[in-house]
């Protein structure tokens, strides 16, 4: 598994081990660097994995270094697939994390996997380029490309929206700077996403793309209201133009029909419970 050191990695490791898998994390010895085919090849040859889940990448949309985004998300994934194709002839499945940002500002909702792909930022473009490269391996490697929509949980960095909100409510901060309150996102629980990854390994599905999402859109204003209900408190919202993105996806809501058809009904779908879980985790730290 690549990306163990990120937000999703520890949650996924727990889910995979509970399912009976032995997890070898890239980044643990031997050294692993997506920009170095030599280090990737060394890891693949030494471990001979049955499965690879590729999470490593730059996931913060307003990241300020476009060249680095493409070097990691696109070229790094290409390096990984080259090494798997050469050094892991018995690989059973590779799951690659793309992003719902490949859809951009679509003209239909919810977005299913046939929705035209029209990313509007470097992050989305890097993930779409990665998808195109991954598809060239479909005939040789059993690959599933997943497109997670927004998901969250305890441990996610506070420069992401929901952890930032939860932290301010838990600390009873007097105010919070925010951008556009009307943007709508499809939020899920990190445990649901990790359960999906684990179940995809056991499924026969391959050579396809799958949304990972709840199918329900929620605005930033809705999350503020829900956190107020949970905490009994609400900070003053201060409008900050610097937090309004020039290339903003206004509404990002997906269809999970194809995913449910592939693996069955989804778990951890109550997002109010996710917010309470996060708030309680922050309360434990701040008090």
C-alpha atoms as a PDB file:
ATOM      1  CA  UNK A   1       0.000   0.000   0.000  1.00  0.00           C
ATOM      2  CA  UNK A   2       1.311   3.446  -0.873  1.00  0.00           C
ATOM      3  CA  UNK A   3       0.344   6.485   1.167  1.00  0.00           C
ATOM      4  CA  UNK A   4       0.308   4.915   4.624  1.00  0.00           C
ATOM      5  CA  UNK A   5       1.614   8.149   6.129  1.00  0.00           C
ATOM      6  CA  UNK A   6      -1.353  10.160   4.859  1.00  0.00           C
ATOM      7  CA  UNK A   7      -4.775  10.619   6.392  1.00  0.00           C
ATOM      8  CA  UNK A   8      -6.377   7.524   4.836  1.00  0.00           C
ATOM      9  CA  UNK A   9      -3.445   5.150   5.359  1.00  0.00           C
ATOM     10  CA  UNK A  10      -3.833   4.255   9.066  1.00  0.00           C
ATOM     11  CA  UNK A  11      -7.596   3.805   8.698  1.00  0.00           C
ATOM     12  CA  UNK A  12      -7.100   1.578   5.652  1.00  0.00           C
ATOM     13  CA  UNK A  13      -4.366  -0.459   7.288  1.00  0.00           C
ATOM     14  CA  UNK A  14      -6.749  -1.232  10.154  1.00  0.00           C
ATOM     15  CA  UNK A  15      -9.531  -2.255   7.756  1.00  0.00           C
ATOM     16  CA  UNK A  16      -7.241  -4.489   5.694  1.00  0.00           C
ATOM     17  CA  UNK A  17      -5.755  -6.217   8.728  1.00  0.00           C
ATOM     18  CA  UNK A  18      -9.244  -6.845  10.107  1.00  0.00           C
ATOM     19  CA  UNK A  19     -10.043  -8.487   6.754  1.00  0.00           C
ATOM     20  CA  UNK A  20      -7.041 -10.811   7.174  1.00  0.00           C
ATOM     21  CA  UNK A  21      -4.511  -9.097   4.913  1.00  0.00           C
ATOM     22  CA  UNK A  22      -0.857  -8.588   5.767  1.00  0.00           C
ATOM     23  CA  UNK A  23      -0.073  -4.970   4.945  1.00  0.00           C
ATOM     24  CA  UNK A  24       3.286  -3.899   3.552  1.00  0.00           C
ATOM     25  CA  UNK A  25       3.451  -0.129   3.447  1.00  0.00           C
ATOM     26  CA  UNK A  26       5.562   1.657   0.866  1.00  0.00           C
ATOM     27  CA  UNK A  27       7.751   4.099   2.720  1.00  0.00           C
ATOM     28  CA  UNK A  28       8.747   1.536   5.310  1.00  0.00           C
ATOM     29  CA  UNK A  29      12.049  -0.267   4.566  1.00  0.00           C
ATOM     30  CA  UNK A  30      13.071  -0.656   1.802  1.00  0.00           C
ATOM     31  CA  UNK A  31      12.939   3.002   0.780  1.00  0.00           C
ATOM     32  CA  UNK A  32      10.219   3.951  -1.687  1.00  0.00           C
ATOM     33  CA  UNK A  33      10.046   7.042  -3.885  1.00  0.00           C
ATOM     34  CA  UNK A  34       7.436   7.462  -6.621  1.00  0.00           C
ATOM     35  CA  UNK A  35       9.920   9.517  -8.630  1.00  0.00           C
ATOM     36  CA  UNK A  36      12.450   6.646  -8.533  1.00  0.00           C
ATOM     37  CA  UNK A  37      11.604   3.553 -10.599  1.00  0.00           C
ATOM     38  CA  UNK A  38      14.612   1.861  -8.985  1.00  0.00           C
ATOM     39  CA  UNK A  39      13.217   2.170  -5.455  1.00  0.00           C
ATOM     40  CA  UNK A  40       9.730   1.130  -6.605  1.00  0.00           C
ATOM     41  CA  UNK A  41      11.121  -1.906  -8.412  1.00  0.00           C
ATOM     42  CA  UNK A  42      13.153  -2.900  -5.366  1.00  0.00           C
ATOM     43  CA  UNK A  43      10.044  -2.861  -3.182  1.00  0.00           C
ATOM     44  CA  UNK A  44       7.887  -4.772  -5.688  1.00  0.00           C
ATOM     45  CA  UNK A  45      10.528  -7.445  -6.238  1.00  0.00           C
ATOM     46  CA  UNK A  46      11.201  -7.920  -2.520  1.00  0.00           C
ATOM     47  CA  UNK A  47       7.540  -8.126  -1.440  1.00  0.00           C
ATOM     48  CA  UNK A  48       5.818  -9.690  -4.493  1.00  0.00           C
ATOM     49  CA  UNK A  49       2.445  -8.285  -3.416  1.00  0.00           C
ATOM     50  CA  UNK A  50      -0.847  -9.981  -4.177  1.00  0.00           C
ATOM     51  CA  UNK A  51      -2.574  -6.590  -4.199  1.00  0.00           C
ATOM     52  CA  UNK A  52      -1.519  -2.955  -4.445  1.00  0.00           C
ATOM     53  CA  UNK A  53      -3.644  -0.046  -3.207  1.00  0.00           C
ATOM     54  CA  UNK A  54      -2.129   3.192  -4.473  1.00  0.00           C
ATOM     55  CA  UNK A  55      -3.095   6.181  -2.326  1.00  0.00           C
ATOM     56  CA  UNK A  56       0.120   8.212  -2.401  1.00  0.00           C
ATOM     57  CA  UNK A  57      -0.174  11.578  -4.059  1.00  0.00           C
ATOM     58  CA  UNK A  58      -0.773  15.271  -3.550  1.00  0.00           C
ATOM     59  CA  UNK A  59      -4.405  15.576  -2.495  1.00  0.00           C
ATOM     60  CA  UNK A  60      -4.732  19.252  -1.515  1.00  0.00           C
ATOM     61  CA  UNK A  61      -6.509  20.970  -4.411  1.00  0.00           C
ATOM     62  CA  UNK A  62      -4.984  24.477  -3.999  1.00  0.00           C
ATOM     63  CA  UNK A  63      -1.430  23.133  -3.773  1.00  0.00           C
ATOM     64  CA  UNK A  64       0.859  25.884  -5.063  1.00  0.00           C
ATOM     65  CA  UNK A  65       3.339  23.833  -7.134  1.00  0.00           C
ATOM     66  CA  UNK A  66       1.693  22.497 -10.323  1.00  0.00           C
ATOM     67  CA  UNK A  67       4.866  20.785 -11.559  1.00  0.00           C
ATOM     68  CA  UNK A  68       5.085  18.788  -8.347  1.00  0.00           C
ATOM     69  CA  UNK A  69       1.417  17.786  -8.586  1.00  0.00           C
ATOM     70  CA  UNK A  70       1.963  16.204 -12.010  1.00  0.00           C
ATOM     71  CA  UNK A  71       5.328  14.698 -11.037  1.00  0.00           C
ATOM     72  CA  UNK A  72       3.760  12.861  -8.106  1.00  0.00           C
ATOM     73  CA  UNK A  73       0.186  12.141  -9.173  1.00  0.00           C
ATOM     74  CA  UNK A  74       0.737  11.386 -12.870  1.00  0.00           C
ATOM     75  CA  UNK A  75       4.365  10.449 -13.492  1.00  0.00           C
ATOM     76  CA  UNK A  76       4.735   8.747 -10.104  1.00  0.00           C
ATOM     77  CA  UNK A  77       1.743   6.501 -10.787  1.00  0.00           C
ATOM     78  CA  UNK A  78       3.097   5.686 -14.231  1.00  0.00           C
ATOM     79  CA  UNK A  79       6.400   4.646 -12.625  1.00  0.00           C
ATOM     80  CA  UNK A  80       4.546   2.411 -10.185  1.00  0.00           C
ATOM     81  CA  UNK A  81       2.533   0.666 -12.905  1.00  0.00           C
ATOM     82  CA  UNK A  82       5.636   0.155 -15.047  1.00  0.00           C
ATOM     83  CA  UNK A  83       7.322  -1.637 -12.133  1.00  0.00           C
ATOM     84  CA  UNK A  84       4.250  -3.714 -11.282  1.00  0.00           C
ATOM     85  CA  UNK A  85       3.904  -4.765 -14.916  1.00  0.00           C
ATOM     86  CA  UNK A  86       7.549  -5.794 -15.051  1.00  0.00           C
ATOM     87  CA  UNK A  87       8.212  -7.191 -11.560  1.00  0.00           C
ATOM     88  CA  UNK A  88       4.878  -8.534 -10.243  1.00  0.00           C
ATOM     89  CA  UNK A  89       3.596 -11.042 -12.808  1.00  0.00           C
ATOM     90  CA  UNK A  90       1.206 -12.680 -10.293  1.00  0.00           C
ATOM     91  CA  UNK A  91      -0.446  -9.467  -9.095  1.00  0.00           C
ATOM     92  CA  UNK A  92      -4.149 -10.081  -8.398  1.00  0.00           C
ATOM     93  CA  UNK A  93      -5.415  -6.487  -8.363  1.00  0.00           C
ATOM     94  CA  UNK A  94      -4.270  -2.866  -8.277  1.00  0.00           C
ATOM     95  CA  UNK A  95      -6.636  -0.239  -6.868  1.00  0.00           C
ATOM     96  CA  UNK A  96      -5.673   3.317  -7.832  1.00  0.00           C
ATOM     97  CA  UNK A  97      -7.119   6.379  -6.102  1.00  0.00           C
ATOM     98  CA  UNK A  98      -8.097   9.072  -8.569  1.00  0.00           C
ATOM     99  CA  UNK A  99     -10.518  11.846  -7.550  1.00  0.00           C
ATOM    100  CA  UNK A 100     -14.003  13.177  -8.196  1.00  0.00           C
ATOM    101  CA  UNK A 101     -12.260  16.390  -9.243  1.00  0.00           C
ATOM    102  CA  UNK A 102     -11.862  14.852 -12.704  1.00  0.00           C
ATOM    103  CA  UNK A 103     -15.543  15.764 -13.284  1.00  0.00           C
ATOM    104  CA  UNK A 104     -15.117  19.503 -12.710  1.00  0.00           C
ATOM    105  CA  UNK A 105     -18.283  21.586 -13.045  1.00  0.00           C
ATOM    106  CA  UNK A 106     -20.531  19.017 -14.667  1.00  0.00           C
ATOM    107  CA  UNK A 107     -23.903  19.828 -16.184  1.00  0.00           C
ATOM    108  CA  UNK A 108     -25.739  16.859 -14.666  1.00  0.00           C
ATOM    109  CA  UNK A 109     -26.225  15.480 -11.163  1.00  0.00           C
ATOM    110  CA  UNK A 110     -25.559  13.165  -9.607  1.00  0.00           C
ATOM    111  CA  UNK A 111     -22.345  12.501 -11.516  1.00  0.00           C
ATOM    112  CA  UNK A 112     -21.993   8.891 -12.605  1.00  0.00           C
ATOM    113  CA  UNK A 113     -18.959   7.332 -14.220  1.00  0.00           C
ATOM    114  CA  UNK A 114     -20.176   8.257 -17.708  1.00  0.00           C
ATOM    115  CA  UNK A 115     -20.296  11.981 -16.881  1.00  0.00           C
ATOM    116  CA  UNK A 116     -17.942  13.931 -19.207  1.00  0.00           C
ATOM    117  CA  UNK A 117     -14.592  14.603 -17.560  1.00  0.00           C
ATOM    118  CA  UNK A 118     -13.673  18.292 -17.515  1.00  0.00           C
ATOM    119  CA  UNK A 119     -11.367  19.138 -14.581  1.00  0.00           C
ATOM    120  CA  UNK A 120     -10.796  22.819 -13.876  1.00  0.00           C
ATOM    121  CA  UNK A 121      -7.644  22.781 -11.725  1.00  0.00           C
ATOM    122  CA  UNK A 122      -4.185  21.213 -11.796  1.00  0.00           C
ATOM    123  CA  UNK A 123      -5.122  18.607  -9.191  1.00  0.00           C
ATOM    124  CA  UNK A 124      -8.050  17.335 -11.253  1.00  0.00           C
ATOM    125  CA  UNK A 125      -6.020  17.439 -14.473  1.00  0.00           C
ATOM    126  CA  UNK A 126      -3.184  15.456 -12.866  1.00  0.00           C
ATOM    127  CA  UNK A 127      -5.635  12.778 -11.761  1.00  0.00           C
ATOM    128  CA  UNK A 128      -7.281  12.588 -15.176  1.00  0.00           C
ATOM    129  CA  UNK A 129      -3.887  12.215 -16.844  1.00  0.00           C
ATOM    130  CA  UNK A 130      -3.123   9.472 -14.354  1.00  0.00           C
ATOM    131  CA  UNK A 131      -6.371   7.694 -15.280  1.00  0.00           C
ATOM    132  CA  UNK A 132      -5.532   7.784 -18.985  1.00  0.00           C
ATOM    133  CA  UNK A 133      -2.106   6.292 -18.303  1.00  0.00           C
ATOM    134  CA  UNK A 134      -3.577   3.611 -16.031  1.00  0.00           C
ATOM    135  CA  UNK A 135      -6.057   2.561 -18.717  1.00  0.00           C
ATOM    136  CA  UNK A 136      -3.195   1.697 -21.056  1.00  0.00           C
ATOM    137  CA  UNK A 137      -2.406  -1.118 -18.572  1.00  0.00           C
ATOM    138  CA  UNK A 138      -5.952  -2.533 -18.365  1.00  0.00           C
ATOM    139  CA  UNK A 139      -5.191  -5.441 -20.700  1.00  0.00           C
ATOM    140  CA  UNK A 140      -2.083  -6.451 -18.736  1.00  0.00           C
ATOM    141  CA  UNK A 141      -2.825  -5.658 -15.068  1.00  0.00           C
ATOM    142  CA  UNK A 142      -6.144  -6.116 -13.184  1.00  0.00           C
ATOM    143  CA  UNK A 143      -6.770  -2.469 -12.291  1.00  0.00           C
ATOM    144  CA  UNK A 144      -9.677  -0.646 -10.653  1.00  0.00           C
ATOM    145  CA  UNK A 145      -9.615   3.158 -10.689  1.00  0.00           C
ATOM    146  CA  UNK A 146     -11.657   4.722  -7.893  1.00  0.00           C
ATOM    147  CA  UNK A 147     -12.884   8.298  -7.806  1.00  0.00           C
ATOM    148  CA  UNK A 148     -13.454   9.219  -4.173  1.00  0.00           C
ATOM    149  CA  UNK A 149     -15.579  12.257  -3.524  1.00  0.00           C
ATOM    150  CA  UNK A 150     -14.891  14.264  -0.353  1.00  0.00           C
ATOM    151  CA  UNK A 151     -14.423  12.142   2.745  1.00  0.00           C
ATOM    152  CA  UNK A 152     -13.212  12.865   6.229  1.00  0.00           C
ATOM    153  CA  UNK A 153     -12.683  11.624   9.774  1.00  0.00           C
ATOM    154  CA  UNK A 154     -10.397  12.083  12.796  1.00  0.00           C
ATOM    155  CA  UNK A 155      -6.780  12.657  11.837  1.00  0.00           C
ATOM    156  CA  UNK A 156      -7.376  14.646   8.656  1.00  0.00           C
ATOM    157  CA  UNK A 157      -5.302  17.839   8.456  1.00  0.00           C
ATOM    158  CA  UNK A 158      -7.062  21.071   9.374  1.00  0.00           C
ATOM    159  CA  UNK A 159      -6.342  22.747   6.048  1.00  0.00           C
ATOM    160  CA  UNK A 160      -9.176  20.536   4.774  1.00  0.00           C
ATOM    161  CA  UNK A 161     -12.622  22.011   5.298  1.00  0.00           C
ATOM    162  CA  UNK A 162     -14.465  19.661   7.661  1.00  0.00           C
ATOM    163  CA  UNK A 163     -11.583  19.129  10.141  1.00  0.00           C
ATOM    164  CA  UNK A 164     -11.122  22.903  10.215  1.00  0.00           C
ATOM    165  CA  UNK A 165     -14.787  23.408  11.074  1.00  0.00           C
ATOM    166  CA  UNK A 166     -14.842  20.659  13.699  1.00  0.00           C
ATOM    167  CA  UNK A 167     -11.706  22.020  15.376  1.00  0.00           C
ATOM    168  CA  UNK A 168     -13.155  25.530  15.633  1.00  0.00           C
ATOM    169  CA  UNK A 169     -16.375  24.216  17.164  1.00  0.00           C
ATOM    170  CA  UNK A 170     -14.563  21.908  19.591  1.00  0.00           C
ATOM    171  CA  UNK A 171     -12.272  24.755  20.745  1.00  0.00           C
ATOM    172  CA  UNK A 172     -15.243  27.117  20.927  1.00  0.00           C
ATOM    173  CA  UNK A 173     -13.280  29.546  18.786  1.00  0.00           C
ATOM    174  CA  UNK A 174     -14.953  32.963  18.670  1.00  0.00           C
ATOM    175  CA  UNK A 175     -14.833  33.158  14.874  1.00  0.00           C
ATOM    176  CA  UNK A 176     -13.955  31.171  11.775  1.00  0.00           C
ATOM    177  CA  UNK A 177     -12.813  32.501   8.365  1.00  0.00           C
ATOM    178  CA  UNK A 178     -14.604  30.832   5.445  1.00  0.00           C
ATOM    179  CA  UNK A 179     -15.110  31.292   1.726  1.00  0.00           C
ATOM    180  CA  UNK A 180     -18.246  30.403  -0.239  1.00  0.00           C
ATOM    181  CA  UNK A 181     -20.853  28.911   2.118  1.00  0.00           C
ATOM    182  CA  UNK A 182     -22.995  27.660  -0.763  1.00  0.00           C
ATOM    183  CA  UNK A 183     -20.581  25.159  -2.317  1.00  0.00           C
ATOM    184  CA  UNK A 184     -22.032  21.651  -2.218  1.00  0.00           C
ATOM    185  CA  UNK A 185     -19.995  18.510  -1.710  1.00  0.00           C
ATOM    186  CA  UNK A 186     -20.700  14.789  -1.375  1.00  0.00           C
ATOM    187  CA  UNK A 187     -19.162  13.936   2.007  1.00  0.00           C
ATOM    188  CA  UNK A 188     -18.426  10.405   3.259  1.00  0.00           C
ATOM    189  CA  UNK A 189     -16.824   8.756   6.266  1.00  0.00           C
ATOM    190  CA  UNK A 190     -13.200   7.582   5.895  1.00  0.00           C
ATOM    191  CA  UNK A 191     -14.251   4.210   7.360  1.00  0.00           C
ATOM    192  CA  UNK A 192     -16.720   3.729   4.514  1.00  0.00           C
ATOM    193  CA  UNK A 193     -14.032   4.507   1.947  1.00  0.00           C
ATOM    194  CA  UNK A 194     -11.586   2.061   3.556  1.00  0.00           C
ATOM    195  CA  UNK A 195     -14.246  -0.644   3.712  1.00  0.00           C
ATOM    196  CA  UNK A 196     -14.831  -0.133  -0.018  1.00  0.00           C
ATOM    197  CA  UNK A 197     -11.112  -0.526  -0.774  1.00  0.00           C
ATOM    198  CA  UNK A 198     -10.985  -3.738   1.237  1.00  0.00           C
ATOM    199  CA  UNK A 199     -14.066  -5.216  -0.433  1.00  0.00           C
ATOM    200  CA  UNK A 200     -12.837  -4.276  -3.910  1.00  0.00           C
ATOM    201  CA  UNK A 201      -9.817  -6.525  -3.411  1.00  0.00           C
ATOM    202  CA  UNK A 202     -12.125  -9.524  -2.987  1.00  0.00           C
ATOM    203  CA  UNK A 203     -14.441  -8.608  -5.860  1.00  0.00           C
ATOM    204  CA  UNK A 204     -13.969  -9.838  -9.444  1.00  0.00           C
ATOM    205  CA  UNK A 205     -14.378  -6.352 -10.891  1.00  0.00           C
ATOM    206  CA  UNK A 206     -11.474  -4.921 -12.908  1.00  0.00           C
ATOM    207  CA  UNK A 207     -10.655  -2.595 -15.815  1.00  0.00           C
ATOM    208  CA  UNK A 208     -13.151   0.051 -14.773  1.00  0.00           C
ATOM    209  CA  UNK A 209     -13.702   3.289 -12.864  1.00  0.00           C
ATOM    210  CA  UNK A 210     -15.887   3.565  -9.757  1.00  0.00           C
ATOM    211  CA  UNK A 211     -17.178   6.521  -7.794  1.00  0.00           C
ATOM    212  CA  UNK A 212     -16.864   6.288  -4.012  1.00  0.00           C
ATOM    213  CA  UNK A 213     -19.487   8.621  -2.594  1.00  0.00           C
ATOM    214  CA  UNK A 214     -22.627   8.904  -0.501  1.00  0.00           C
ATOM    215  CA  UNK A 215     -24.858  10.146  -3.299  1.00  0.00           C
ATOM    216  CA  UNK A 216     -26.037  13.103  -1.174  1.00  0.00           C
ATOM    217  CA  UNK A 217     -24.903  16.720  -1.509  1.00  0.00           C
ATOM    218  CA  UNK A 218     -24.377  18.904   1.548  1.00  0.00           C
ATOM    219  CA  UNK A 219     -23.481  22.587   1.641  1.00  0.00           C
ATOM    220  CA  UNK A 220     -20.965  24.205   3.931  1.00  0.00           C
ATOM    221  CA  UNK A 221     -23.892  25.960   5.577  1.00  0.00           C
ATOM    222  CA  UNK A 222     -25.485  22.554   6.344  1.00  0.00           C
ATOM    223  CA  UNK A 223     -22.310  21.377   8.092  1.00  0.00           C
ATOM    224  CA  UNK A 224     -22.200  24.546  10.193  1.00  0.00           C
ATOM    225  CA  UNK A 225     -25.781  23.968  11.275  1.00  0.00           C
ATOM    226  CA  UNK A 226     -25.138  20.314  12.110  1.00  0.00           C
ATOM    227  CA  UNK A 227     -22.025  21.098  14.155  1.00  0.00           C
ATOM    228  CA  UNK A 228     -23.990  23.716  16.063  1.00  0.00           C
ATOM    229  CA  UNK A 229     -26.604  21.069  16.866  1.00  0.00           C
ATOM    230  CA  UNK A 230     -23.912  18.658  18.066  1.00  0.00           C
ATOM    231  CA  UNK A 231     -21.905  21.149  20.116  1.00  0.00           C
ATOM    232  CA  UNK A 232     -24.483  23.674  21.264  1.00  0.00           C
ATOM    233  CA  UNK A 233     -22.172  26.435  20.051  1.00  0.00           C
ATOM    234  CA  UNK A 234     -21.511  28.410  16.875  1.00  0.00           C
ATOM    235  CA  UNK A 235     -18.541  30.663  16.079  1.00  0.00           C
ATOM    236  CA  UNK A 236     -19.018  33.857  14.112  1.00  0.00           C
ATOM    237  CA  UNK A 237     -18.462  33.232  10.398  1.00  0.00           C
ATOM    238  CA  UNK A 238     -16.117  35.752   8.806  1.00  0.00           C
ATOM    239  CA  UNK A 239     -16.105  35.974   5.021  1.00  0.00           C
ATOM    240  CA  UNK A 240     -12.561  35.704   3.666  1.00  0.00           C
ATOM    241  CA  UNK A 241     -12.204  36.393  -0.101  1.00  0.00           C
ATOM    242  CA  UNK A 242      -8.793  34.690  -0.021  1.00  0.00           C
ATOM    243  CA  UNK A 243     -10.584  31.393   0.665  1.00  0.00           C
ATOM    244  CA  UNK A 244     -12.751  31.648  -2.460  1.00  0.00           C
ATOM    245  CA  UNK A 245     -11.002  29.684  -5.215  1.00  0.00           C
ATOM    246  CA  UNK A 246     -10.714  31.247  -8.640  1.00  0.00           C
ATOM    247  CA  UNK A 247     -11.378  27.829 -10.216  1.00  0.00           C
ATOM    248  CA  UNK A 248     -14.153  26.584  -7.938  1.00  0.00           C
ATOM    249  CA  UNK A 249     -16.178  23.419  -8.437  1.00  0.00           C
ATOM    250  CA  UNK A 250     -19.539  24.638  -7.200  1.00  0.00           C
ATOM    251  CA  UNK A 251     -21.374  21.334  -6.837  1.00  0.00           C
ATOM    252  CA  UNK A 252     -19.742  17.903  -6.609  1.00  0.00           C
ATOM    253  CA  UNK A 253     -22.271  15.138  -5.949  1.00  0.00           C
ATOM    254  CA  UNK A 254     -21.849  11.592  -7.205  1.00  0.00           C
ATOM    255  CA  UNK A 255     -23.813   8.461  -7.973  1.00  0.00           C
ATOM    256  CA  UNK A 256     -22.690   5.289  -6.181  1.00  0.00           C
ATOM    257  CA  UNK A 257     -24.960   2.964  -8.158  1.00  0.00           C
ATOM    258  CA  UNK A 258     -22.121   1.235 -10.033  1.00  0.00           C
ATOM    259  CA  UNK A 259     -20.146   0.778  -6.805  1.00  0.00           C
ATOM    260  CA  UNK A 260     -23.104  -0.753  -4.945  1.00  0.00           C
ATOM    261  CA  UNK A 261     -23.725  -3.069  -7.865  1.00  0.00           C
ATOM    262  CA  UNK A 262     -20.086  -4.211  -7.642  1.00  0.00           C
ATOM    263  CA  UNK A 263     -19.740  -4.774  -3.884  1.00  0.00           C
ATOM    264  CA  UNK A 264     -23.159  -4.403  -2.248  1.00  0.00           C
ATOM    265  CA  UNK A 265     -24.542  -1.846   0.161  1.00  0.00           C
ATOM    266  CA  UNK A 266     -22.172   0.641   1.764  1.00  0.00           C
ATOM    267  CA  UNK A 267     -21.332   1.039   5.462  1.00  0.00           C
ATOM    268  CA  UNK A 268     -20.897   4.149   7.644  1.00  0.00           C
ATOM    269  CA  UNK A 269     -23.334   6.221   5.606  1.00  0.00           C
ATOM    270  CA  UNK A 270     -24.671   8.452   8.425  1.00  0.00           C
ATOM    271  CA  UNK A 271     -22.621  11.628   7.992  1.00  0.00           C
ATOM    272  CA  UNK A 272     -24.123  13.209  11.094  1.00  0.00           C
ATOM    273  CA  UNK A 273     -22.535  10.328  13.041  1.00  0.00           C
ATOM    274  CA  UNK A 274     -19.213  11.034  11.296  1.00  0.00           C
ATOM    275  CA  UNK A 275     -19.321  14.670  12.402  1.00  0.00           C
ATOM    276  CA  UNK A 276     -20.109  13.608  15.971  1.00  0.00           C
ATOM    277  CA  UNK A 277     -17.200  11.121  15.888  1.00  0.00           C
ATOM    278  CA  UNK A 278     -14.852  13.884  14.748  1.00  0.00           C
ATOM    279  CA  UNK A 279     -16.173  16.397  17.281  1.00  0.00           C
ATOM    280  CA  UNK A 280     -15.780  13.919  20.133  1.00  0.00           C
ATOM    281  CA  UNK A 281     -12.203  13.145  19.032  1.00  0.00           C
ATOM    282  CA  UNK A 282     -11.412  16.878  19.039  1.00  0.00           C
ATOM    283  CA  UNK A 283     -13.118  17.331  22.398  1.00  0.00           C
ATOM    284  CA  UNK A 284     -10.886  14.623  23.885  1.00  0.00           C
ATOM    285  CA  UNK A 285      -7.788  16.483  22.651  1.00  0.00           C
ATOM    286  CA  UNK A 286      -8.840  20.008  23.621  1.00  0.00           C
ATOM    287  CA  UNK A 287     -10.116  19.204  27.109  1.00  0.00           C
END
